[in-house]
Amino acid sequence: MKKIETSILIDATAEEVWQVLSEFKAYSQWSPTIRQFEKQPVVGKRSKVLLEQPNGFKIKMNPKFLSIEQNSELRWKGDLFFPGIFDGEHYFRLEQVGASQVRFVQGEFFSGLLVPFLGKLLIETKRGFELFNIAIKRRVEYRS
């Protein structure tokens, strides 16, 4: 198993960050890496998500949403082709660190047979997480 985790401080409340994070139809307007949700995510259900890496690589995943906790966490799990080949459990966590500051944490646990062979993809994925973090920070702080 391999884990990637990034974080950024956002000058806002958890409610303000959650408002942007959970506005799934608006991602195409601001997100550089998560380009589109096919439908509104629901815990226990699948929804197609269009992802785009910083290098231009695009993939449409069909993850199952594991957690949608208002002002706290969004989590899903997807796989490439079928479980056990290349699986990822992606998460966003909001941690209130002050009256008007949130630590936005984005990460993913990767598992499966191909993980040891996809080091370059994982480096690009981390770069994509960092770009997303900057984009959500700008979007939230601009709205606040």
N, C-alpha and C. Protein backbone atom coordinates (compact mmCIF):
# COMPACT_ATOMS: atom_id res chain seq x y z
N MET A 1 0.85 -1.18 0.00
CA MET A 1 0.00 0.00 0.00
C MET A 1 0.89 1.24 0.00
N LYS A 2 0.45 2.26 -0.70
CA LYS A 2 1.16 3.54 -0.80
C LYS A 2 0.18 4.65 -0.45
N LYS A 3 0.68 5.65 0.27
CA LYS A 3 -0.17 6.78 0.67
C LYS A 3 0.46 8.08 0.19
N ILE A 4 -0.40 8.95 -0.35
CA ILE A 4 -0.01 10.31 -0.69
C ILE A 4 -0.93 11.23 0.10
N GLU A 5 -0.34 12.24 0.75
CA GLU A 5 -1.17 13.19 1.48
C GLU A 5 -0.59 14.58 1.35
N THR A 6 -1.46 15.55 1.11
CA THR A 6 -1.07 16.95 1.01
C THR A 6 -2.03 17.77 1.86
N SER A 7 -1.62 18.99 2.20
CA SER A 7 -2.53 19.87 2.94
C SER A 7 -2.19 21.32 2.65
N ILE A 8 -3.16 22.18 2.95
CA ILE A 8 -2.99 23.62 2.77
C ILE A 8 -3.89 24.32 3.79
N LEU A 9 -3.45 25.46 4.27
CA LEU A 9 -4.28 26.26 5.18
C LEU A 9 -5.14 27.21 4.37
N ILE A 10 -6.42 27.27 4.72
CA ILE A 10 -7.37 28.14 4.04
C ILE A 10 -7.95 29.10 5.07
N ASP A 11 -7.92 30.37 4.77
CA ASP A 11 -8.48 31.39 5.66
C ASP A 11 -9.99 31.45 5.48
N ALA A 12 -10.68 30.58 6.20
CA ALA A 12 -12.14 30.47 6.12
C ALA A 12 -12.59 29.50 7.20
N THR A 13 -13.89 29.36 7.33
CA THR A 13 -14.45 28.36 8.25
C THR A 13 -14.62 27.04 7.51
N ALA A 14 -14.79 25.97 8.28
CA ALA A 14 -15.04 24.67 7.66
C ALA A 14 -16.31 24.70 6.82
N GLU A 15 -17.32 25.45 7.26
CA GLU A 15 -18.57 25.58 6.51
C GLU A 15 -18.33 26.22 5.14
N GLU A 16 -17.48 27.23 5.10
CA GLU A 16 -17.20 27.92 3.83
C GLU A 16 -16.42 27.02 2.88
N VAL A 17 -15.48 26.25 3.41
CA VAL A 17 -14.72 25.33 2.57
C VAL A 17 -15.63 24.21 2.07
N TRP A 18 -16.47 23.68 2.97
CA TRP A 18 -17.39 22.61 2.59
C TRP A 18 -18.34 23.06 1.48
N GLN A 19 -18.77 24.30 1.55
CA GLN A 19 -19.69 24.82 0.53
C GLN A 19 -19.08 24.69 -0.86
N VAL A 20 -17.80 25.00 -0.99
CA VAL A 20 -17.12 24.87 -2.30
C VAL A 20 -16.86 23.41 -2.62
N LEU A 21 -16.37 22.64 -1.65
CA LEU A 21 -16.04 21.24 -1.88
C LEU A 21 -17.25 20.42 -2.30
N SER A 22 -18.41 20.75 -1.75
CA SER A 22 -19.62 19.95 -2.03
C SER A 22 -20.48 20.52 -3.15
N GLU A 23 -20.02 21.54 -3.80
CA GLU A 23 -20.73 22.13 -4.95
C GLU A 23 -20.21 21.42 -6.22
N PHE A 24 -20.60 20.16 -6.36
CA PHE A 24 -20.01 19.27 -7.36
C PHE A 24 -20.20 19.74 -8.80
N LYS A 25 -21.31 20.38 -9.09
CA LYS A 25 -21.56 20.84 -10.46
C LYS A 25 -20.64 21.98 -10.88
N ALA A 26 -20.01 22.65 -9.91
CA ALA A 26 -19.16 23.82 -10.21
C ALA A 26 -17.69 23.47 -10.41
N TYR A 27 -17.29 22.23 -10.20
CA TYR A 27 -15.87 21.86 -10.29
C TYR A 27 -15.24 22.25 -11.62
N SER A 28 -15.98 22.12 -12.69
CA SER A 28 -15.41 22.43 -14.01
C SER A 28 -15.02 23.90 -14.13
N GLN A 29 -15.56 24.75 -13.27
CA GLN A 29 -15.25 26.17 -13.30
C GLN A 29 -13.91 26.52 -12.63
N TRP A 30 -13.46 25.66 -11.70
CA TRP A 30 -12.27 26.05 -10.95
C TRP A 30 -11.24 24.95 -10.71
N SER A 31 -11.64 23.69 -10.75
CA SER A 31 -10.72 22.61 -10.40
C SER A 31 -9.83 22.21 -11.58
N PRO A 32 -8.52 22.19 -11.37
CA PRO A 32 -7.62 21.78 -12.46
C PRO A 32 -7.51 20.27 -12.63
N THR A 33 -7.99 19.50 -11.65
CA THR A 33 -7.78 18.05 -11.71
C THR A 33 -9.05 17.21 -11.62
N ILE A 34 -10.00 17.62 -10.82
CA ILE A 34 -11.29 16.93 -10.77
C ILE A 34 -12.22 17.77 -11.63
N ARG A 35 -12.45 17.31 -12.84
CA ARG A 35 -13.10 18.15 -13.84
C ARG A 35 -14.62 18.06 -13.82
N GLN A 36 -15.16 16.88 -13.41
CA GLN A 36 -16.61 16.73 -13.50
C GLN A 36 -17.10 15.55 -12.67
N PHE A 37 -18.25 15.73 -12.04
CA PHE A 37 -18.99 14.64 -11.41
C PHE A 37 -20.22 14.42 -12.28
N GLU A 38 -20.47 13.16 -12.64
CA GLU A 38 -21.61 12.86 -13.50
C GLU A 38 -22.94 13.15 -12.82
N LYS A 39 -22.99 12.88 -11.52
CA LYS A 39 -24.21 13.15 -10.75
C LYS A 39 -23.82 13.45 -9.31
N GLN A 40 -24.77 13.89 -8.55
CA GLN A 40 -24.55 14.23 -7.14
C GLN A 40 -24.13 12.97 -6.38
N PRO A 41 -22.97 12.99 -5.74
CA PRO A 41 -22.54 11.82 -4.97
C PRO A 41 -23.45 11.52 -3.78
N VAL A 42 -23.63 10.23 -3.52
CA VAL A 42 -24.44 9.73 -2.42
C VAL A 42 -23.64 8.60 -1.76
N VAL A 43 -23.59 8.59 -0.44
CA VAL A 43 -22.86 7.53 0.28
C VAL A 43 -23.42 6.16 -0.11
N GLY A 44 -22.50 5.25 -0.42
CA GLY A 44 -22.88 3.89 -0.80
C GLY A 44 -23.16 3.71 -2.27
N LYS A 45 -23.20 4.81 -3.02
CA LYS A 45 -23.49 4.75 -4.47
C LYS A 45 -22.24 5.14 -5.26
N ARG A 46 -22.29 4.84 -6.54
CA ARG A 46 -21.21 5.22 -7.46
C ARG A 46 -21.63 6.42 -8.29
N SER A 47 -20.64 7.22 -8.64
CA SER A 47 -20.86 8.35 -9.54
C SER A 47 -19.59 8.53 -10.35
N LYS A 48 -19.71 8.62 -11.65
CA LYS A 48 -18.53 8.80 -12.49
C LYS A 48 -17.91 10.17 -12.23
N VAL A 49 -16.57 10.16 -12.18
CA VAL A 49 -15.79 11.36 -11.91
C VAL A 49 -14.71 11.45 -12.98
N LEU A 50 -14.64 12.58 -13.67
CA LEU A 50 -13.61 12.81 -14.69
C LEU A 50 -12.42 13.47 -14.02
N LEU A 51 -11.27 12.79 -14.07
CA LEU A 51 -10.03 13.29 -13.48
C LEU A 51 -9.05 13.65 -14.58
N GLU A 52 -8.25 14.69 -14.32
CA GLU A 52 -7.22 15.09 -15.28
C GLU A 52 -5.94 15.41 -14.53
N GLN A 53 -4.88 14.69 -14.88
CA GLN A 53 -3.57 14.92 -14.26
C GLN A 53 -2.94 16.19 -14.84
N PRO A 54 -1.99 16.78 -14.13
CA PRO A 54 -1.30 17.98 -14.66
C PRO A 54 -0.62 17.75 -16.01
N ASN A 55 -0.24 16.51 -16.31
CA ASN A 55 0.39 16.21 -17.59
C ASN A 55 -0.61 16.01 -18.72
N GLY A 56 -1.90 16.19 -18.44
CA GLY A 56 -2.94 16.06 -19.46
C GLY A 56 -3.62 14.71 -19.51
N PHE A 57 -3.10 13.71 -18.81
CA PHE A 57 -3.72 12.38 -18.77
C PHE A 57 -5.10 12.49 -18.13
N LYS A 58 -6.12 11.98 -18.83
CA LYS A 58 -7.49 12.01 -18.33
C LYS A 58 -8.00 10.59 -18.14
N ILE A 59 -8.83 10.44 -17.11
CA ILE A 59 -9.46 9.14 -16.87
C ILE A 59 -10.81 9.38 -16.21
N LYS A 60 -11.77 8.57 -16.59
CA LYS A 60 -13.09 8.64 -15.96
C LYS A 60 -13.19 7.43 -15.03
N MET A 61 -13.32 7.74 -13.74
CA MET A 61 -13.44 6.69 -12.73
C MET A 61 -14.92 6.56 -12.34
N ASN A 62 -15.26 5.47 -11.72
CA ASN A 62 -16.63 5.25 -11.24
C ASN A 62 -16.56 4.81 -9.77
N PRO A 63 -16.08 5.73 -8.91
CA PRO A 63 -15.86 5.33 -7.51
C PRO A 63 -17.15 5.22 -6.72
N LYS A 64 -17.04 4.47 -5.64
CA LYS A 64 -18.12 4.35 -4.66
C LYS A 64 -17.83 5.35 -3.55
N PHE A 65 -18.83 6.15 -3.19
CA PHE A 65 -18.66 7.17 -2.16
C PHE A 65 -18.85 6.52 -0.79
N LEU A 66 -17.81 6.64 0.03
CA LEU A 66 -17.77 5.99 1.34
C LEU A 66 -18.22 6.91 2.46
N SER A 67 -17.96 8.21 2.31
CA SER A 67 -18.28 9.16 3.38
C SER A 67 -18.52 10.54 2.79
N ILE A 68 -19.61 11.16 3.20
CA ILE A 68 -19.89 12.55 2.88
C ILE A 68 -20.39 13.18 4.18
N GLU A 69 -19.45 13.66 4.97
CA GLU A 69 -19.76 14.23 6.28
C GLU A 69 -19.63 15.74 6.20
N GLN A 70 -20.76 16.43 6.25
CA GLN A 70 -20.80 17.87 6.10
C GLN A 70 -19.77 18.56 7.00
N ASN A 71 -19.02 19.48 6.40
CA ASN A 71 -18.00 20.29 7.08
C ASN A 71 -16.83 19.47 7.63
N SER A 72 -16.70 18.22 7.19
CA SER A 72 -15.69 17.36 7.79
C SER A 72 -14.92 16.49 6.78
N GLU A 73 -15.64 15.65 5.99
CA GLU A 73 -14.94 14.69 5.15
C GLU A 73 -15.73 14.28 3.92
N LEU A 74 -15.01 14.09 2.83
CA LEU A 74 -15.53 13.50 1.60
C LEU A 74 -14.55 12.39 1.24
N ARG A 75 -15.07 11.17 1.00
CA ARG A 75 -14.19 10.01 0.75
C ARG A 75 -14.85 9.08 -0.28
N TRP A 76 -14.03 8.59 -1.21
CA TRP A 76 -14.51 7.62 -2.17
C TRP A 76 -13.43 6.58 -2.45
N LYS A 77 -13.86 5.45 -3.03
CA LYS A 77 -12.91 4.40 -3.41
C LYS A 77 -13.21 3.96 -4.83
N GLY A 78 -12.14 3.92 -5.63
CA GLY A 78 -12.28 3.49 -7.01
C GLY A 78 -11.22 2.48 -7.37
N ASP A 79 -11.39 1.86 -8.52
CA ASP A 79 -10.41 0.89 -9.00
C ASP A 79 -10.26 1.02 -10.50
N LEU A 80 -9.14 0.53 -10.98
CA LEU A 80 -8.85 0.55 -12.40
C LEU A 80 -9.22 -0.82 -12.96
N PHE A 81 -10.20 -0.86 -13.84
CA PHE A 81 -10.71 -2.07 -14.48
C PHE A 81 -11.50 -2.95 -13.50
N PHE A 82 -10.83 -3.51 -12.49
CA PHE A 82 -11.53 -4.26 -11.46
C PHE A 82 -10.67 -4.28 -10.19
N PRO A 83 -11.29 -4.51 -9.04
CA PRO A 83 -10.57 -4.43 -7.76
C PRO A 83 -9.32 -5.32 -7.71
N GLY A 84 -8.26 -4.77 -7.09
CA GLY A 84 -7.04 -5.52 -6.88
C GLY A 84 -5.93 -5.21 -7.86
N ILE A 85 -6.24 -4.54 -8.95
CA ILE A 85 -5.22 -4.18 -9.94
C ILE A 85 -4.56 -2.86 -9.54
N PHE A 86 -5.36 -1.82 -9.39
CA PHE A 86 -4.89 -0.51 -8.96
C PHE A 86 -6.09 0.20 -8.34
N ASP A 87 -6.13 0.18 -7.02
CA ASP A 87 -7.26 0.75 -6.28
C ASP A 87 -6.81 2.00 -5.55
N GLY A 88 -7.74 2.93 -5.40
CA GLY A 88 -7.43 4.14 -4.66
C GLY A 88 -8.58 4.56 -3.78
N GLU A 89 -8.27 4.85 -2.52
CA GLU A 89 -9.25 5.41 -1.61
C GLU A 89 -8.86 6.87 -1.38
N HIS A 90 -9.63 7.76 -1.97
CA HIS A 90 -9.34 9.20 -1.98
C HIS A 90 -10.12 9.88 -0.87
N TYR A 91 -9.50 10.88 -0.25
CA TYR A 91 -10.21 11.59 0.82
C TYR A 91 -9.84 13.07 0.86
N PHE A 92 -10.80 13.84 1.33
CA PHE A 92 -10.62 15.25 1.67
C PHE A 92 -11.09 15.37 3.12
N ARG A 93 -10.29 16.00 3.96
CA ARG A 93 -10.67 16.25 5.34
C ARG A 93 -10.53 17.74 5.63
N LEU A 94 -11.47 18.26 6.40
CA LEU A 94 -11.42 19.65 6.83
C LEU A 94 -11.16 19.66 8.32
N GLU A 95 -10.09 20.34 8.73
CA GLU A 95 -9.72 20.41 10.15
C GLU A 95 -9.71 21.88 10.55
N GLN A 96 -10.66 22.29 11.36
CA GLN A 96 -10.72 23.68 11.84
C GLN A 96 -9.54 23.88 12.79
N VAL A 97 -8.63 24.83 12.48
CA VAL A 97 -7.45 25.05 13.30
C VAL A 97 -7.48 26.40 14.01
N GLY A 98 -8.47 27.19 13.72
CA GLY A 98 -8.65 28.49 14.36
C GLY A 98 -10.05 28.96 14.07
N ALA A 99 -10.41 30.12 14.59
CA ALA A 99 -11.77 30.63 14.38
C ALA A 99 -12.10 30.77 12.90
N SER A 100 -11.11 31.15 12.12
CA SER A 100 -11.37 31.34 10.69
C SER A 100 -10.22 30.78 9.85
N GLN A 101 -9.76 29.57 10.21
CA GLN A 101 -8.73 28.92 9.42
C GLN A 101 -8.95 27.41 9.44
N VAL A 102 -8.83 26.81 8.27
CA VAL A 102 -9.04 25.37 8.10
C VAL A 102 -7.81 24.75 7.45
N ARG A 103 -7.42 23.59 7.97
CA ARG A 103 -6.41 22.79 7.27
C ARG A 103 -7.19 21.87 6.34
N PHE A 104 -6.96 22.05 5.06
CA PHE A 104 -7.60 21.23 4.03
C PHE A 104 -6.62 20.11 3.71
N VAL A 105 -7.01 18.87 3.97
CA VAL A 105 -6.15 17.71 3.77
C VAL A 105 -6.72 16.89 2.62
N GLN A 106 -5.87 16.56 1.66
CA GLN A 106 -6.27 15.70 0.55
C GLN A 106 -5.27 14.55 0.47
N GLY A 107 -5.79 13.35 0.36
CA GLY A 107 -4.89 12.22 0.27
C GLY A 107 -5.52 11.03 -0.40
N GLU A 108 -4.69 10.00 -0.56
CA GLU A 108 -5.19 8.77 -1.17
C GLU A 108 -4.31 7.60 -0.75
N PHE A 109 -4.98 6.49 -0.46
CA PHE A 109 -4.31 5.23 -0.21
C PHE A 109 -4.41 4.42 -1.50
N PHE A 110 -3.27 3.98 -2.02
CA PHE A 110 -3.24 3.18 -3.23
C PHE A 110 -2.86 1.75 -2.87
N SER A 111 -3.55 0.79 -3.49
CA SER A 111 -3.23 -0.62 -3.29
C SER A 111 -3.46 -1.37 -4.60
N GLY A 112 -2.94 -2.55 -4.67
CA GLY A 112 -3.14 -3.38 -5.85
C GLY A 112 -1.83 -3.80 -6.50
N LEU A 113 -1.94 -4.71 -7.44
CA LEU A 113 -0.77 -5.31 -8.09
C LEU A 113 0.11 -4.30 -8.84
N LEU A 114 -0.48 -3.25 -9.41
CA LEU A 114 0.30 -2.32 -10.23
C LEU A 114 0.97 -1.19 -9.45
N VAL A 115 0.65 -1.02 -8.19
CA VAL A 115 1.19 0.11 -7.40
C VAL A 115 2.71 0.19 -7.47
N PRO A 116 3.46 -0.91 -7.31
CA PRO A 116 4.92 -0.80 -7.35
C PRO A 116 5.48 -0.32 -8.70
N PHE A 117 4.68 -0.42 -9.74
CA PHE A 117 5.16 -0.08 -11.08
C PHE A 117 4.71 1.30 -11.56
N LEU A 118 3.96 2.01 -10.73
CA LEU A 118 3.37 3.28 -11.17
C LEU A 118 3.89 4.48 -10.38
N GLY A 119 5.17 4.45 -10.04
CA GLY A 119 5.78 5.53 -9.28
C GLY A 119 5.65 6.89 -9.94
N LYS A 120 5.84 6.94 -11.24
CA LYS A 120 5.74 8.21 -11.98
C LYS A 120 4.32 8.77 -11.92
N LEU A 121 3.33 7.90 -12.04
CA LEU A 121 1.93 8.31 -11.95
C LEU A 121 1.63 8.86 -10.56
N LEU A 122 2.19 8.25 -9.53
CA LEU A 122 1.94 8.71 -8.17
C LEU A 122 2.58 10.08 -7.91
N ILE A 123 3.73 10.33 -8.49
CA ILE A 123 4.36 11.66 -8.38
C ILE A 123 3.48 12.71 -9.05
N GLU A 124 2.96 12.39 -10.21
CA GLU A 124 2.07 13.30 -10.93
C GLU A 124 0.77 13.51 -10.16
N THR A 125 0.29 12.45 -9.53
CA THR A 125 -0.92 12.54 -8.72
C THR A 125 -0.72 13.51 -7.56
N LYS A 126 0.41 13.42 -6.89
CA LYS A 126 0.69 14.33 -5.78
C LYS A 126 0.73 15.77 -6.27
N ARG A 127 1.34 15.99 -7.41
CA ARG A 127 1.38 17.34 -7.98
C ARG A 127 -0.03 17.83 -8.28
N GLY A 128 -0.89 16.94 -8.75
CA GLY A 128 -2.28 17.29 -9.01
C GLY A 128 -3.02 17.65 -7.73
N PHE A 129 -2.76 16.91 -6.65
CA PHE A 129 -3.37 17.24 -5.36
C PHE A 129 -2.98 18.65 -4.93
N GLU A 130 -1.69 18.97 -5.08
CA GLU A 130 -1.21 20.30 -4.68
C GLU A 130 -1.88 21.40 -5.51
N LEU A 131 -2.05 21.17 -6.80
CA LEU A 131 -2.72 22.16 -7.65
C LEU A 131 -4.19 22.32 -7.27
N PHE A 132 -4.85 21.22 -6.96
CA PHE A 132 -6.25 21.28 -6.52
C PHE A 132 -6.34 22.06 -5.21
N ASN A 133 -5.43 21.79 -4.27
CA ASN A 133 -5.44 22.47 -2.99
C ASN A 133 -5.33 23.99 -3.17
N ILE A 134 -4.43 24.41 -4.03
CA ILE A 134 -4.27 25.84 -4.29
C ILE A 134 -5.54 26.41 -4.91
N ALA A 135 -6.13 25.67 -5.84
CA ALA A 135 -7.34 26.15 -6.52
C ALA A 135 -8.52 26.28 -5.56
N ILE A 136 -8.71 25.31 -4.66
CA ILE A 136 -9.84 25.42 -3.73
C ILE A 136 -9.58 26.55 -2.73
N LYS A 137 -8.34 26.72 -2.32
CA LYS A 137 -8.00 27.83 -1.41
C LYS A 137 -8.38 29.16 -2.06
N ARG A 138 -7.98 29.34 -3.30
CA ARG A 138 -8.31 30.59 -4.01
C ARG A 138 -9.82 30.79 -4.14
N ARG A 139 -10.50 29.73 -4.50
CA ARG A 139 -11.96 29.82 -4.69
C ARG A 139 -12.66 30.18 -3.38
N VAL A 140 -12.28 29.51 -2.31
CA VAL A 140 -12.92 29.76 -1.01
C VAL A 140 -12.60 31.17 -0.51
N GLU A 141 -11.34 31.52 -0.55
CA GLU A 141 -10.93 32.83 -0.01
C GLU A 141 -11.48 33.97 -0.84
N TYR A 142 -11.60 33.76 -2.15
CA TYR A 142 -12.18 34.81 -3.02
C TYR A 142 -13.64 35.03 -2.67
N ARG A 143 -14.36 33.94 -2.37
CA ARG A 143 -15.79 34.04 -2.03
C ARG A 143 -16.02 34.64 -0.65
N SER A 144 -15.06 34.45 0.26
CA SER A 144 -15.25 34.87 1.66
C SER A 144 -15.19 36.36 1.84
